[in-house]
């Protein structure tokens, strides 16, 4: 049975309240035709990402419009060069991040990452590491992935991911590749299956972008 927008709003708000890494007091939720808009303020960039993930977990959510802003605590802000130094230190401590292939720029707390890596997970790990540094209010990840993906490899990863998680059926998911871009199509039964397919596509070597056109039937 399809949920009403009011019920979806209640469910998303309950999920945000239940998520321990999110202080939901300053987050607003509105829903129109199954599309959830999150707005308001949080205290850190990781908390902003956690709020978005929590909303996506709710059954019936068709899409997320995320307009949450990071409002740092009142203590003195770190200088940009101090933020950049801490990010580079985190990169050097993390074996998953090839520090020599990534450049860091910080301007008024906004971090821009550039460079080239072999795998998407390295780019994603760098983005997450930068977002955990105190004083960062946003991360613009422009890191490029060198290799080109193979459609069969992406499909295999999606199939394997579906089998690992409750033996879901990925047979109806279609995959095409154009350069480093992967296009997903077909139908799945729930939003979480769509998310599983998208994460699996990102895990394939050489993927630089994922266009998710999968329909939740």
N, C-alpha and C. Protein backbone atom coordinates (compact mmCIF):
# COMPACT_ATOMS: atom_id res chain seq x y z
N UNK A 1 0.83 -1.20 0.00
CA UNK A 1 0.00 0.00 0.00
C UNK A 1 0.87 1.25 0.00
N UNK A 2 0.59 2.17 -0.91
CA UNK A 2 1.39 3.38 -1.03
C UNK A 2 1.15 4.30 0.16
N UNK A 3 2.25 4.83 0.71
CA UNK A 3 2.14 5.74 1.83
C UNK A 3 1.72 7.13 1.37
N UNK A 4 0.97 7.82 2.20
CA UNK A 4 0.65 9.22 1.93
C UNK A 4 1.88 10.07 2.25
N UNK A 5 1.90 11.30 1.71
CA UNK A 5 3.02 12.20 1.99
C UNK A 5 3.13 12.48 3.48
N UNK A 6 1.97 12.60 4.16
CA UNK A 6 1.99 12.84 5.59
C UNK A 6 2.62 11.70 6.37
N UNK A 7 2.29 10.47 5.95
CA UNK A 7 2.86 9.30 6.63
C UNK A 7 4.36 9.22 6.38
N UNK A 8 4.75 9.51 5.12
CA UNK A 8 6.18 9.51 4.79
C UNK A 8 6.93 10.53 5.63
N UNK A 9 6.33 11.71 5.78
CA UNK A 9 6.97 12.76 6.58
C UNK A 9 7.18 12.28 8.02
N UNK A 10 6.14 11.65 8.59
CA UNK A 10 6.25 11.13 9.95
C UNK A 10 7.34 10.06 10.05
N UNK A 11 7.40 9.18 9.04
CA UNK A 11 8.38 8.09 9.06
C UNK A 11 9.80 8.62 8.95
N UNK A 12 10.01 9.62 8.07
CA UNK A 12 11.36 10.20 7.91
C UNK A 12 11.78 10.90 9.20
N UNK A 13 10.88 11.65 9.79
CA UNK A 13 11.20 12.34 11.04
C UNK A 13 11.53 11.34 12.15
N UNK A 14 10.80 10.23 12.19
CA UNK A 14 11.07 9.20 13.19
C UNK A 14 12.43 8.55 12.95
N UNK A 15 12.79 8.33 11.68
CA UNK A 15 14.08 7.72 11.35
C UNK A 15 15.23 8.65 11.73
N UNK A 16 15.05 9.95 11.50
CA UNK A 16 16.08 10.93 11.88
C UNK A 16 16.24 10.95 13.40
N UNK A 17 15.12 10.87 14.12
CA UNK A 17 15.18 10.87 15.58
C UNK A 17 15.84 9.60 16.11
N UNK A 18 15.66 8.50 15.38
CA UNK A 18 16.22 7.21 15.80
C UNK A 18 17.71 7.11 15.51
N UNK A 19 18.20 7.82 14.47
CA UNK A 19 19.61 7.74 14.05
C UNK A 19 20.50 8.44 15.09
N UNK A 20 21.38 7.70 15.78
CA UNK A 20 22.16 8.29 16.88
C UNK A 20 23.18 9.32 16.43
N UNK A 21 23.63 9.28 15.17
CA UNK A 21 24.65 10.22 14.71
C UNK A 21 24.06 11.53 14.21
N UNK A 22 22.73 11.69 14.30
CA UNK A 22 22.07 12.90 13.81
C UNK A 22 21.32 13.59 14.94
N UNK A 23 21.60 14.89 15.12
CA UNK A 23 20.81 15.72 16.02
C UNK A 23 19.70 16.35 15.18
N UNK A 24 18.48 15.79 15.31
CA UNK A 24 17.41 16.16 14.39
C UNK A 24 16.67 17.42 14.80
N UNK A 25 17.09 18.05 15.91
CA UNK A 25 16.34 19.18 16.46
C UNK A 25 16.18 20.32 15.46
N UNK A 26 17.20 20.57 14.63
CA UNK A 26 17.17 21.70 13.70
C UNK A 26 16.97 21.26 12.25
N UNK A 27 16.44 20.04 12.04
CA UNK A 27 16.21 19.54 10.68
C UNK A 27 14.71 19.52 10.40
N UNK A 28 14.32 20.12 9.29
CA UNK A 28 12.93 20.11 8.86
C UNK A 28 12.72 19.12 7.74
N UNK A 29 11.52 18.54 7.68
CA UNK A 29 11.19 17.53 6.66
C UNK A 29 9.88 17.90 5.99
N UNK A 30 9.89 17.95 4.66
CA UNK A 30 8.65 18.14 3.90
C UNK A 30 8.61 17.09 2.79
N UNK A 31 7.39 16.70 2.39
CA UNK A 31 7.23 15.65 1.38
C UNK A 31 6.16 16.06 0.38
N UNK A 32 6.49 15.95 -0.91
CA UNK A 32 5.53 16.21 -1.98
C UNK A 32 5.65 15.08 -3.00
N UNK A 33 4.58 14.31 -3.18
CA UNK A 33 4.55 13.20 -4.13
C UNK A 33 5.70 12.21 -3.92
N UNK A 34 6.01 11.93 -2.65
CA UNK A 34 7.06 10.96 -2.33
C UNK A 34 8.47 11.50 -2.38
N UNK A 35 8.63 12.78 -2.76
CA UNK A 35 9.95 13.41 -2.81
C UNK A 35 10.18 14.14 -1.48
N UNK A 36 11.21 13.74 -0.76
CA UNK A 36 11.48 14.29 0.56
C UNK A 36 12.50 15.42 0.47
N UNK A 37 12.16 16.56 1.07
CA UNK A 37 13.10 17.68 1.17
C UNK A 37 13.54 17.82 2.61
N UNK A 38 14.86 17.80 2.81
CA UNK A 38 15.45 18.01 4.13
C UNK A 38 16.06 19.41 4.17
N UNK A 39 15.76 20.18 5.20
CA UNK A 39 16.38 21.49 5.34
C UNK A 39 16.69 21.75 6.80
N UNK A 40 17.36 22.87 7.06
CA UNK A 40 17.76 23.20 8.42
C UNK A 40 19.25 23.16 8.59
N UNK A 41 19.70 22.84 9.82
CA UNK A 41 21.12 22.93 10.14
C UNK A 41 21.58 21.71 10.93
N UNK A 42 22.86 21.34 10.70
CA UNK A 42 23.53 20.33 11.51
C UNK A 42 24.90 20.88 11.89
N UNK A 43 25.61 20.17 12.76
CA UNK A 43 26.87 20.69 13.30
C UNK A 43 28.11 20.23 12.55
N UNK A 44 27.96 19.27 11.62
CA UNK A 44 29.13 18.77 10.89
C UNK A 44 28.71 18.19 9.55
N UNK A 45 29.67 18.08 8.65
CA UNK A 45 29.41 17.51 7.32
C UNK A 45 29.04 16.02 7.41
N UNK A 46 29.74 15.20 8.23
CA UNK A 46 29.31 13.79 8.37
C UNK A 46 27.87 13.66 8.86
N UNK A 47 27.43 14.58 9.74
CA UNK A 47 26.06 14.52 10.24
C UNK A 47 25.07 14.83 9.11
N UNK A 48 25.45 15.72 8.23
CA UNK A 48 24.63 16.06 7.05
C UNK A 48 24.45 14.81 6.17
N UNK A 49 25.54 14.07 5.94
CA UNK A 49 25.48 12.85 5.12
C UNK A 49 24.64 11.77 5.82
N UNK A 50 24.78 11.68 7.14
CA UNK A 50 24.04 10.67 7.90
C UNK A 50 22.54 10.93 7.84
N UNK A 51 22.14 12.20 7.86
CA UNK A 51 20.73 12.55 7.77
C UNK A 51 20.16 12.13 6.42
N UNK A 52 20.93 12.35 5.37
CA UNK A 52 20.47 11.95 4.03
C UNK A 52 20.33 10.44 3.93
N UNK A 53 21.30 9.70 4.47
CA UNK A 53 21.23 8.23 4.44
C UNK A 53 20.02 7.73 5.23
N UNK A 54 19.75 8.36 6.36
CA UNK A 54 18.61 7.94 7.18
C UNK A 54 17.30 8.11 6.42
N UNK A 55 17.14 9.24 5.72
CA UNK A 55 15.92 9.49 4.96
C UNK A 55 15.78 8.47 3.83
N UNK A 56 16.89 8.09 3.20
CA UNK A 56 16.84 7.13 2.09
C UNK A 56 16.41 5.74 2.55
N UNK A 57 16.63 5.45 3.81
CA UNK A 57 16.27 4.11 4.32
C UNK A 57 14.77 3.92 4.45
N UNK A 58 14.02 4.99 4.46
CA UNK A 58 12.58 4.90 4.71
C UNK A 58 11.85 4.37 3.46
N UNK A 59 11.08 3.33 3.63
CA UNK A 59 10.32 2.75 2.52
C UNK A 59 9.31 3.76 1.98
N UNK A 60 9.22 3.86 0.66
CA UNK A 60 8.27 4.75 0.02
C UNK A 60 8.87 6.06 -0.46
N UNK A 61 10.10 6.36 -0.01
CA UNK A 61 10.76 7.59 -0.45
C UNK A 61 11.24 7.43 -1.89
N UNK A 62 10.77 8.32 -2.76
CA UNK A 62 11.11 8.23 -4.19
C UNK A 62 12.39 8.99 -4.52
N UNK A 63 12.65 10.09 -3.83
CA UNK A 63 13.84 10.89 -4.11
C UNK A 63 14.10 11.80 -2.92
N UNK A 64 15.34 12.31 -2.84
CA UNK A 64 15.73 13.20 -1.74
C UNK A 64 16.21 14.52 -2.32
N UNK A 65 15.68 15.63 -1.80
CA UNK A 65 16.22 16.97 -2.08
C UNK A 65 16.84 17.44 -0.77
N UNK A 66 18.16 17.52 -0.74
CA UNK A 66 18.87 17.76 0.51
C UNK A 66 19.38 19.19 0.55
N UNK A 67 18.82 19.99 1.45
CA UNK A 67 19.18 21.41 1.55
C UNK A 67 19.69 21.77 2.95
N UNK A 68 20.20 20.77 3.66
CA UNK A 68 20.72 21.00 5.02
C UNK A 68 22.04 21.76 4.93
N UNK A 69 22.22 22.72 5.82
CA UNK A 69 23.46 23.50 5.89
C UNK A 69 24.23 23.13 7.15
N UNK A 70 25.56 23.21 7.05
CA UNK A 70 26.41 22.94 8.19
C UNK A 70 26.65 24.24 8.95
N UNK A 71 26.28 24.25 10.22
CA UNK A 71 26.52 25.43 11.07
C UNK A 71 27.45 24.99 12.18
N UNK A 72 28.70 25.44 12.09
CA UNK A 72 29.72 24.99 13.03
C UNK A 72 29.47 25.54 14.42
N UNK A 73 29.94 24.83 15.45
CA UNK A 73 29.83 25.34 16.81
C UNK A 73 30.52 26.69 16.96
N UNK A 74 30.31 27.35 18.09
CA UNK A 74 30.75 28.73 18.26
C UNK A 74 32.24 28.88 18.53
N UNK A 75 32.97 27.76 18.71
CA UNK A 75 34.40 27.91 18.97
C UNK A 75 35.10 28.48 17.74
N UNK A 76 36.28 29.10 17.93
CA UNK A 76 36.98 29.73 16.81
C UNK A 76 37.19 28.75 15.66
N UNK A 77 36.98 29.25 14.45
CA UNK A 77 37.15 28.39 13.27
C UNK A 77 38.63 28.19 12.96
N UNK A 78 38.93 27.04 12.38
CA UNK A 78 40.29 26.77 11.96
C UNK A 78 40.61 27.54 10.69
N UNK A 79 41.84 27.97 10.57
CA UNK A 79 42.28 28.62 9.33
C UNK A 79 42.32 27.59 8.21
N UNK A 80 42.14 28.06 6.98
CA UNK A 80 42.10 27.14 5.84
C UNK A 80 43.37 26.30 5.74
N UNK A 81 44.54 26.94 5.98
CA UNK A 81 45.79 26.19 5.83
C UNK A 81 45.92 25.12 6.92
N UNK A 82 45.32 25.36 8.09
CA UNK A 82 45.34 24.35 9.14
C UNK A 82 44.44 23.17 8.78
N UNK A 83 43.27 23.48 8.18
CA UNK A 83 42.37 22.43 7.73
C UNK A 83 43.05 21.56 6.67
N UNK A 84 43.70 22.22 5.70
CA UNK A 84 44.38 21.49 4.63
C UNK A 84 45.47 20.58 5.19
N UNK A 85 46.22 21.07 6.18
CA UNK A 85 47.29 20.27 6.78
C UNK A 85 46.70 19.04 7.48
N UNK A 86 45.59 19.20 8.20
CA UNK A 86 44.98 18.07 8.88
C UNK A 86 44.44 17.05 7.88
N UNK A 87 43.88 17.52 6.76
CA UNK A 87 43.39 16.60 5.72
C UNK A 87 44.54 15.79 5.15
N UNK A 88 45.65 16.44 4.83
CA UNK A 88 46.81 15.74 4.29
C UNK A 88 47.36 14.73 5.29
N UNK A 89 47.32 15.09 6.59
CA UNK A 89 47.77 14.15 7.61
C UNK A 89 46.87 12.92 7.63
N UNK A 90 45.55 13.13 7.51
CA UNK A 90 44.61 12.00 7.50
C UNK A 90 44.85 11.11 6.29
N UNK A 91 45.15 11.73 5.14
CA UNK A 91 45.44 10.95 3.94
C UNK A 91 46.68 10.07 4.17
N UNK A 92 47.71 10.63 4.82
CA UNK A 92 48.95 9.88 5.03
C UNK A 92 48.75 8.72 5.99
N UNK A 93 47.75 8.83 6.88
CA UNK A 93 47.49 7.75 7.84
C UNK A 93 46.58 6.67 7.28
N UNK A 94 45.87 6.96 6.19
CA UNK A 94 44.88 6.04 5.64
C UNK A 94 45.48 5.28 4.46
N UNK A 95 45.65 3.96 4.62
CA UNK A 95 46.30 3.16 3.57
C UNK A 95 45.44 3.04 2.32
N UNK A 96 44.14 3.37 2.41
CA UNK A 96 43.27 3.26 1.25
C UNK A 96 43.38 4.48 0.32
N UNK A 97 44.06 5.53 0.79
CA UNK A 97 44.13 6.77 0.02
C UNK A 97 45.54 6.96 -0.54
N UNK A 98 45.69 7.03 -1.88
CA UNK A 98 47.01 7.29 -2.48
C UNK A 98 47.33 8.78 -2.41
N UNK A 99 47.96 9.22 -1.32
CA UNK A 99 48.13 10.65 -1.04
C UNK A 99 48.90 11.38 -2.14
N UNK A 100 49.79 10.69 -2.87
CA UNK A 100 50.58 11.37 -3.90
C UNK A 100 49.76 11.72 -5.14
N UNK A 101 48.55 11.15 -5.27
CA UNK A 101 47.75 11.42 -6.46
C UNK A 101 46.62 12.41 -6.23
N UNK A 102 46.54 12.97 -5.02
CA UNK A 102 45.40 13.84 -4.68
C UNK A 102 45.90 15.19 -4.19
N UNK A 103 45.29 16.26 -4.68
CA UNK A 103 45.62 17.61 -4.24
C UNK A 103 44.43 18.18 -3.45
N UNK A 104 44.74 18.98 -2.44
CA UNK A 104 43.73 19.54 -1.55
C UNK A 104 43.76 21.06 -1.59
N UNK A 105 42.58 21.66 -1.79
CA UNK A 105 42.44 23.12 -1.73
C UNK A 105 41.32 23.44 -0.74
N UNK A 106 41.56 24.40 0.14
CA UNK A 106 40.56 24.79 1.13
C UNK A 106 40.32 26.30 1.04
N UNK A 107 39.06 26.68 0.92
CA UNK A 107 38.70 28.09 0.83
C UNK A 107 37.47 28.35 1.69
N UNK A 108 37.65 29.09 2.78
CA UNK A 108 36.57 29.41 3.72
C UNK A 108 35.88 28.14 4.22
N UNK A 109 36.67 27.11 4.49
CA UNK A 109 36.12 25.86 5.02
C UNK A 109 35.64 24.88 3.97
N UNK A 110 35.52 25.33 2.72
CA UNK A 110 35.11 24.43 1.63
C UNK A 110 36.35 23.74 1.05
N UNK A 111 36.31 22.43 0.99
CA UNK A 111 37.44 21.63 0.50
C UNK A 111 37.19 21.21 -0.94
N UNK A 112 38.19 21.38 -1.80
CA UNK A 112 38.14 20.87 -3.18
C UNK A 112 39.26 19.86 -3.35
N UNK A 113 38.89 18.64 -3.73
CA UNK A 113 39.86 17.57 -3.97
C UNK A 113 40.02 17.35 -5.46
N UNK A 114 41.25 17.32 -5.96
CA UNK A 114 41.53 17.05 -7.37
C UNK A 114 42.63 16.00 -7.48
N UNK A 115 42.85 15.53 -8.71
CA UNK A 115 43.87 14.51 -8.96
C UNK A 115 43.28 13.30 -9.64
N UNK A 116 44.07 12.21 -9.71
CA UNK A 116 43.62 10.99 -10.36
C UNK A 116 43.97 9.77 -9.49
N UNK A 117 43.04 8.81 -9.45
CA UNK A 117 43.25 7.56 -8.72
C UNK A 117 42.83 6.39 -9.62
N UNK A 118 43.19 5.19 -9.18
CA UNK A 118 42.88 3.99 -9.97
C UNK A 118 41.47 3.48 -9.74
N UNK A 119 40.95 3.69 -8.52
CA UNK A 119 39.66 3.11 -8.14
C UNK A 119 38.75 4.16 -7.53
N UNK A 120 37.43 3.98 -7.73
CA UNK A 120 36.48 4.92 -7.16
C UNK A 120 36.51 4.91 -5.64
N UNK A 121 36.73 3.73 -5.03
CA UNK A 121 36.72 3.69 -3.56
C UNK A 121 37.79 4.58 -2.97
N UNK A 122 38.92 4.79 -3.70
CA UNK A 122 39.98 5.68 -3.22
C UNK A 122 39.49 7.13 -3.22
N UNK A 123 38.77 7.51 -4.27
CA UNK A 123 38.19 8.85 -4.33
C UNK A 123 37.17 9.04 -3.23
N UNK A 124 36.33 8.03 -3.02
CA UNK A 124 35.28 8.12 -2.01
C UNK A 124 35.87 8.18 -0.60
N UNK A 125 36.92 7.40 -0.36
CA UNK A 125 37.57 7.39 0.95
C UNK A 125 38.21 8.75 1.25
N UNK A 126 38.80 9.37 0.21
CA UNK A 126 39.39 10.69 0.39
C UNK A 126 38.32 11.72 0.74
N UNK A 127 37.18 11.64 0.06
CA UNK A 127 36.07 12.56 0.36
C UNK A 127 35.59 12.40 1.79
N UNK A 128 35.43 11.15 2.24
CA UNK A 128 34.95 10.91 3.60
C UNK A 128 35.96 11.38 4.64
N UNK A 129 37.25 11.14 4.36
CA UNK A 129 38.29 11.56 5.31
C UNK A 129 38.32 13.07 5.44
N UNK A 130 38.23 13.78 4.32
CA UNK A 130 38.24 15.25 4.35
C UNK A 130 37.03 15.78 5.11
N UNK A 131 35.88 15.13 4.94
CA UNK A 131 34.66 15.58 5.59
C UNK A 131 34.67 15.41 7.09
N UNK A 132 35.57 14.57 7.61
CA UNK A 132 35.62 14.34 9.06
C UNK A 132 36.47 15.37 9.81
N UNK A 133 37.19 16.21 9.07
CA UNK A 133 38.08 17.18 9.70
C UNK A 133 37.29 18.36 10.26
N UNK A 134 37.58 18.75 11.49
CA UNK A 134 36.91 19.88 12.12
C UNK A 134 37.14 21.16 11.33
N UNK A 135 36.07 21.92 11.10
CA UNK A 135 36.17 23.17 10.35
C UNK A 135 35.72 23.05 8.91
N UNK A 136 35.60 21.80 8.41
CA UNK A 136 35.14 21.59 7.03
C UNK A 136 33.63 21.74 6.97
N UNK A 137 33.14 22.59 6.06
CA UNK A 137 31.69 22.77 5.93
C UNK A 137 31.16 22.12 4.64
N UNK A 138 32.05 21.67 3.77
CA UNK A 138 31.63 20.98 2.55
C UNK A 138 32.81 20.45 1.79
N UNK A 139 32.59 19.43 0.97
CA UNK A 139 33.66 18.81 0.18
C UNK A 139 33.22 18.72 -1.27
N UNK A 140 34.01 19.32 -2.17
CA UNK A 140 33.78 19.22 -3.60
C UNK A 140 34.80 18.23 -4.15
N UNK A 141 34.34 17.03 -4.49
CA UNK A 141 35.24 15.96 -4.91
C UNK A 141 35.36 15.92 -6.43
N UNK A 142 36.50 16.40 -6.94
CA UNK A 142 36.76 16.41 -8.39
C UNK A 142 37.83 15.40 -8.78
N UNK A 143 38.10 14.44 -7.91
CA UNK A 143 39.11 13.42 -8.20
C UNK A 143 38.64 12.54 -9.35
N UNK A 144 39.52 12.32 -10.33
CA UNK A 144 39.19 11.50 -11.50
C UNK A 144 39.64 10.06 -11.29
N UNK A 145 38.90 9.13 -11.92
CA UNK A 145 39.27 7.71 -11.89
C UNK A 145 39.82 7.35 -13.27
N UNK A 146 41.00 6.72 -13.29
CA UNK A 146 41.73 6.53 -14.54
C UNK A 146 41.15 5.46 -15.46
N UNK A 147 40.83 4.28 -14.91
CA UNK A 147 40.44 3.16 -15.74
C UNK A 147 39.02 3.33 -16.29
N UNK A 148 38.69 2.54 -17.32
CA UNK A 148 37.34 2.53 -17.86
C UNK A 148 36.60 1.29 -17.38
N UNK A 149 35.34 1.44 -16.98
CA UNK A 149 34.59 0.28 -16.48
C UNK A 149 34.12 -0.63 -17.61
N UNK A 150 33.88 -1.89 -17.28
CA UNK A 150 33.35 -2.87 -18.22
C UNK A 150 31.94 -3.23 -17.75
N UNK A 151 30.97 -3.16 -18.68
CA UNK A 151 29.57 -3.38 -18.30
C UNK A 151 29.36 -4.73 -17.62
N UNK A 152 30.02 -5.77 -18.14
CA UNK A 152 29.85 -7.11 -17.57
C UNK A 152 30.35 -7.16 -16.13
N UNK A 153 31.46 -6.45 -15.86
CA UNK A 153 32.01 -6.43 -14.52
C UNK A 153 31.07 -5.71 -13.56
N UNK A 154 30.50 -4.58 -14.01
CA UNK A 154 29.56 -3.84 -13.19
C UNK A 154 28.34 -4.70 -12.89
N UNK A 155 27.81 -5.38 -13.91
CA UNK A 155 26.64 -6.25 -13.73
C UNK A 155 26.93 -7.36 -12.73
N UNK A 156 28.12 -7.97 -12.84
CA UNK A 156 28.50 -9.05 -11.93
C UNK A 156 28.54 -8.55 -10.48
N UNK A 157 29.06 -7.34 -10.29
CA UNK A 157 29.15 -6.78 -8.94
C UNK A 157 27.76 -6.51 -8.37
N UNK A 158 26.84 -6.05 -9.23
CA UNK A 158 25.47 -5.80 -8.78
C UNK A 158 24.80 -7.12 -8.40
N UNK A 159 24.97 -8.14 -9.23
CA UNK A 159 24.38 -9.45 -8.95
C UNK A 159 24.91 -10.00 -7.63
N UNK A 160 26.24 -9.87 -7.41
CA UNK A 160 26.85 -10.39 -6.19
C UNK A 160 26.33 -9.64 -4.96
N UNK A 161 26.18 -8.31 -5.10
CA UNK A 161 25.69 -7.51 -3.99
C UNK A 161 24.26 -7.88 -3.62
N UNK A 162 23.43 -8.12 -4.63
CA UNK A 162 22.04 -8.51 -4.38
C UNK A 162 21.99 -9.86 -3.68
N UNK A 163 22.85 -10.79 -4.08
CA UNK A 163 22.84 -12.12 -3.48
C UNK A 163 23.30 -12.06 -2.02
N UNK A 164 24.22 -11.13 -1.71
CA UNK A 164 24.70 -10.99 -0.34
C UNK A 164 23.62 -10.44 0.59
N UNK A 165 22.71 -9.68 0.03
CA UNK A 165 21.72 -8.99 0.86
C UNK A 165 20.33 -9.56 0.60
N UNK A 166 19.96 -10.54 1.38
CA UNK A 166 18.63 -11.16 1.35
C UNK A 166 18.30 -11.82 0.02
N UNK A 167 19.31 -12.19 -0.76
CA UNK A 167 19.12 -12.92 -2.01
C UNK A 167 18.13 -12.21 -2.93
N UNK A 168 18.33 -10.92 -3.11
CA UNK A 168 17.47 -10.14 -3.99
C UNK A 168 17.73 -10.50 -5.45
N UNK A 169 16.79 -10.18 -6.31
CA UNK A 169 16.88 -10.54 -7.72
C UNK A 169 17.34 -9.32 -8.53
N UNK A 170 18.56 -9.41 -9.09
CA UNK A 170 19.10 -8.30 -9.88
C UNK A 170 18.91 -8.53 -11.38
N UNK A 171 18.19 -9.58 -11.76
CA UNK A 171 18.07 -9.93 -13.18
C UNK A 171 17.43 -8.81 -13.99
N UNK A 172 16.57 -8.01 -13.37
CA UNK A 172 15.86 -6.97 -14.12
C UNK A 172 16.63 -5.66 -14.21
N UNK A 173 17.83 -5.61 -13.63
CA UNK A 173 18.65 -4.40 -13.69
C UNK A 173 19.50 -4.44 -14.96
N UNK A 174 19.46 -3.36 -15.75
CA UNK A 174 20.27 -3.28 -16.97
C UNK A 174 21.45 -2.35 -16.75
N UNK A 175 22.57 -2.66 -17.42
CA UNK A 175 23.80 -1.88 -17.26
C UNK A 175 24.39 -1.55 -18.62
N UNK A 176 24.71 -0.27 -18.85
CA UNK A 176 25.46 0.13 -20.03
C UNK A 176 26.57 1.07 -19.58
N UNK A 177 27.67 1.09 -20.34
CA UNK A 177 28.79 1.97 -20.00
C UNK A 177 29.12 2.85 -21.19
N UNK A 178 29.42 4.12 -20.92
CA UNK A 178 29.90 5.07 -21.92
C UNK A 178 31.10 5.78 -21.31
N UNK A 179 32.31 5.41 -21.77
CA UNK A 179 33.50 5.95 -21.13
C UNK A 179 33.52 5.50 -19.68
N UNK A 180 33.69 6.45 -18.77
CA UNK A 180 33.70 6.12 -17.35
C UNK A 180 32.34 6.17 -16.71
N UNK A 181 31.30 6.42 -17.51
CA UNK A 181 29.95 6.56 -16.95
C UNK A 181 29.18 5.25 -17.07
N UNK A 182 28.49 4.89 -15.98
CA UNK A 182 27.64 3.70 -15.97
C UNK A 182 26.19 4.14 -15.91
N UNK A 183 25.36 3.58 -16.77
CA UNK A 183 23.93 3.85 -16.76
C UNK A 183 23.18 2.61 -16.30
N UNK A 184 22.38 2.79 -15.26
CA UNK A 184 21.58 1.69 -14.71
C UNK A 184 20.12 1.88 -15.11
N UNK A 185 19.45 0.79 -15.48
CA UNK A 185 18.04 0.84 -15.84
C UNK A 185 17.32 -0.40 -15.31
N UNK A 186 16.07 -0.55 -15.71
CA UNK A 186 15.29 -1.69 -15.28
C UNK A 186 14.41 -1.37 -14.09
N UNK A 187 13.92 -2.44 -13.43
CA UNK A 187 13.00 -2.27 -12.30
C UNK A 187 13.46 -3.08 -11.10
N UNK A 188 13.22 -2.53 -9.91
CA UNK A 188 13.43 -3.27 -8.67
C UNK A 188 12.19 -3.08 -7.80
N UNK A 189 12.13 -3.81 -6.68
CA UNK A 189 10.92 -3.80 -5.87
C UNK A 189 10.93 -2.74 -4.78
N UNK A 190 12.11 -2.25 -4.39
CA UNK A 190 12.18 -1.31 -3.26
C UNK A 190 13.35 -0.36 -3.43
N UNK A 191 13.25 0.78 -2.73
CA UNK A 191 14.29 1.81 -2.81
C UNK A 191 15.65 1.26 -2.40
N UNK A 192 15.69 0.39 -1.36
CA UNK A 192 16.98 -0.10 -0.90
C UNK A 192 17.66 -0.95 -1.96
N UNK A 193 16.89 -1.66 -2.81
CA UNK A 193 17.48 -2.45 -3.89
C UNK A 193 18.13 -1.52 -4.92
N UNK A 194 17.48 -0.38 -5.17
CA UNK A 194 18.04 0.62 -6.09
C UNK A 194 19.37 1.14 -5.54
N UNK A 195 19.43 1.39 -4.24
CA UNK A 195 20.65 1.88 -3.60
C UNK A 195 21.75 0.83 -3.66
N UNK A 196 21.39 -0.45 -3.46
CA UNK A 196 22.38 -1.52 -3.52
C UNK A 196 23.02 -1.58 -4.89
N UNK A 197 22.18 -1.48 -5.94
CA UNK A 197 22.69 -1.53 -7.31
C UNK A 197 23.63 -0.36 -7.58
N UNK A 198 23.24 0.82 -7.10
CA UNK A 198 24.06 2.01 -7.34
C UNK A 198 25.41 1.89 -6.63
N UNK A 199 25.40 1.43 -5.37
CA UNK A 199 26.67 1.27 -4.64
C UNK A 199 27.56 0.23 -5.31
N UNK A 200 26.96 -0.85 -5.80
CA UNK A 200 27.74 -1.89 -6.46
C UNK A 200 28.36 -1.36 -7.75
N UNK A 201 27.63 -0.53 -8.48
CA UNK A 201 28.16 0.06 -9.71
C UNK A 201 29.36 0.95 -9.40
N UNK A 202 29.26 1.75 -8.34
CA UNK A 202 30.37 2.62 -7.95
C UNK A 202 31.60 1.82 -7.55
N UNK A 203 31.41 0.57 -7.10
CA UNK A 203 32.54 -0.24 -6.63
C UNK A 203 33.36 -0.82 -7.78
N UNK A 204 32.86 -0.73 -9.01
CA UNK A 204 33.58 -1.29 -10.15
C UNK A 204 34.75 -0.39 -10.54
N UNK A 205 35.85 -0.97 -11.03
CA UNK A 205 37.01 -0.16 -11.41
C UNK A 205 36.70 0.76 -12.59
N UNK A 206 37.20 2.00 -12.50
CA UNK A 206 37.08 2.94 -13.59
C UNK A 206 35.81 3.76 -13.65
N UNK A 207 34.88 3.53 -12.74
CA UNK A 207 33.61 4.25 -12.77
C UNK A 207 33.81 5.68 -12.26
N UNK A 208 33.42 6.65 -13.08
CA UNK A 208 33.53 8.06 -12.69
C UNK A 208 32.18 8.70 -12.45
N UNK A 209 31.11 8.09 -12.96
CA UNK A 209 29.76 8.63 -12.76
C UNK A 209 28.75 7.49 -12.90
N UNK A 210 27.67 7.58 -12.14
CA UNK A 210 26.60 6.59 -12.22
C UNK A 210 25.28 7.32 -12.44
N UNK A 211 24.61 7.02 -13.55
CA UNK A 211 23.27 7.53 -13.81
C UNK A 211 22.28 6.43 -13.46
N UNK A 212 21.50 6.67 -12.43
CA UNK A 212 20.58 5.64 -11.94
C UNK A 212 19.17 5.92 -12.44
N UNK A 213 18.75 5.15 -13.46
CA UNK A 213 17.40 5.28 -14.01
C UNK A 213 16.52 4.09 -13.62
N UNK A 214 16.95 3.36 -12.59
CA UNK A 214 16.17 2.21 -12.13
C UNK A 214 14.84 2.69 -11.55
N UNK A 215 13.78 2.02 -11.92
CA UNK A 215 12.43 2.35 -11.45
C UNK A 215 12.06 1.44 -10.28
N UNK A 216 11.53 2.03 -9.23
CA UNK A 216 11.01 1.25 -8.11
C UNK A 216 9.56 0.92 -8.38
N UNK A 217 9.28 -0.35 -8.69
CA UNK A 217 7.93 -0.75 -9.10
C UNK A 217 7.10 -1.15 -7.90
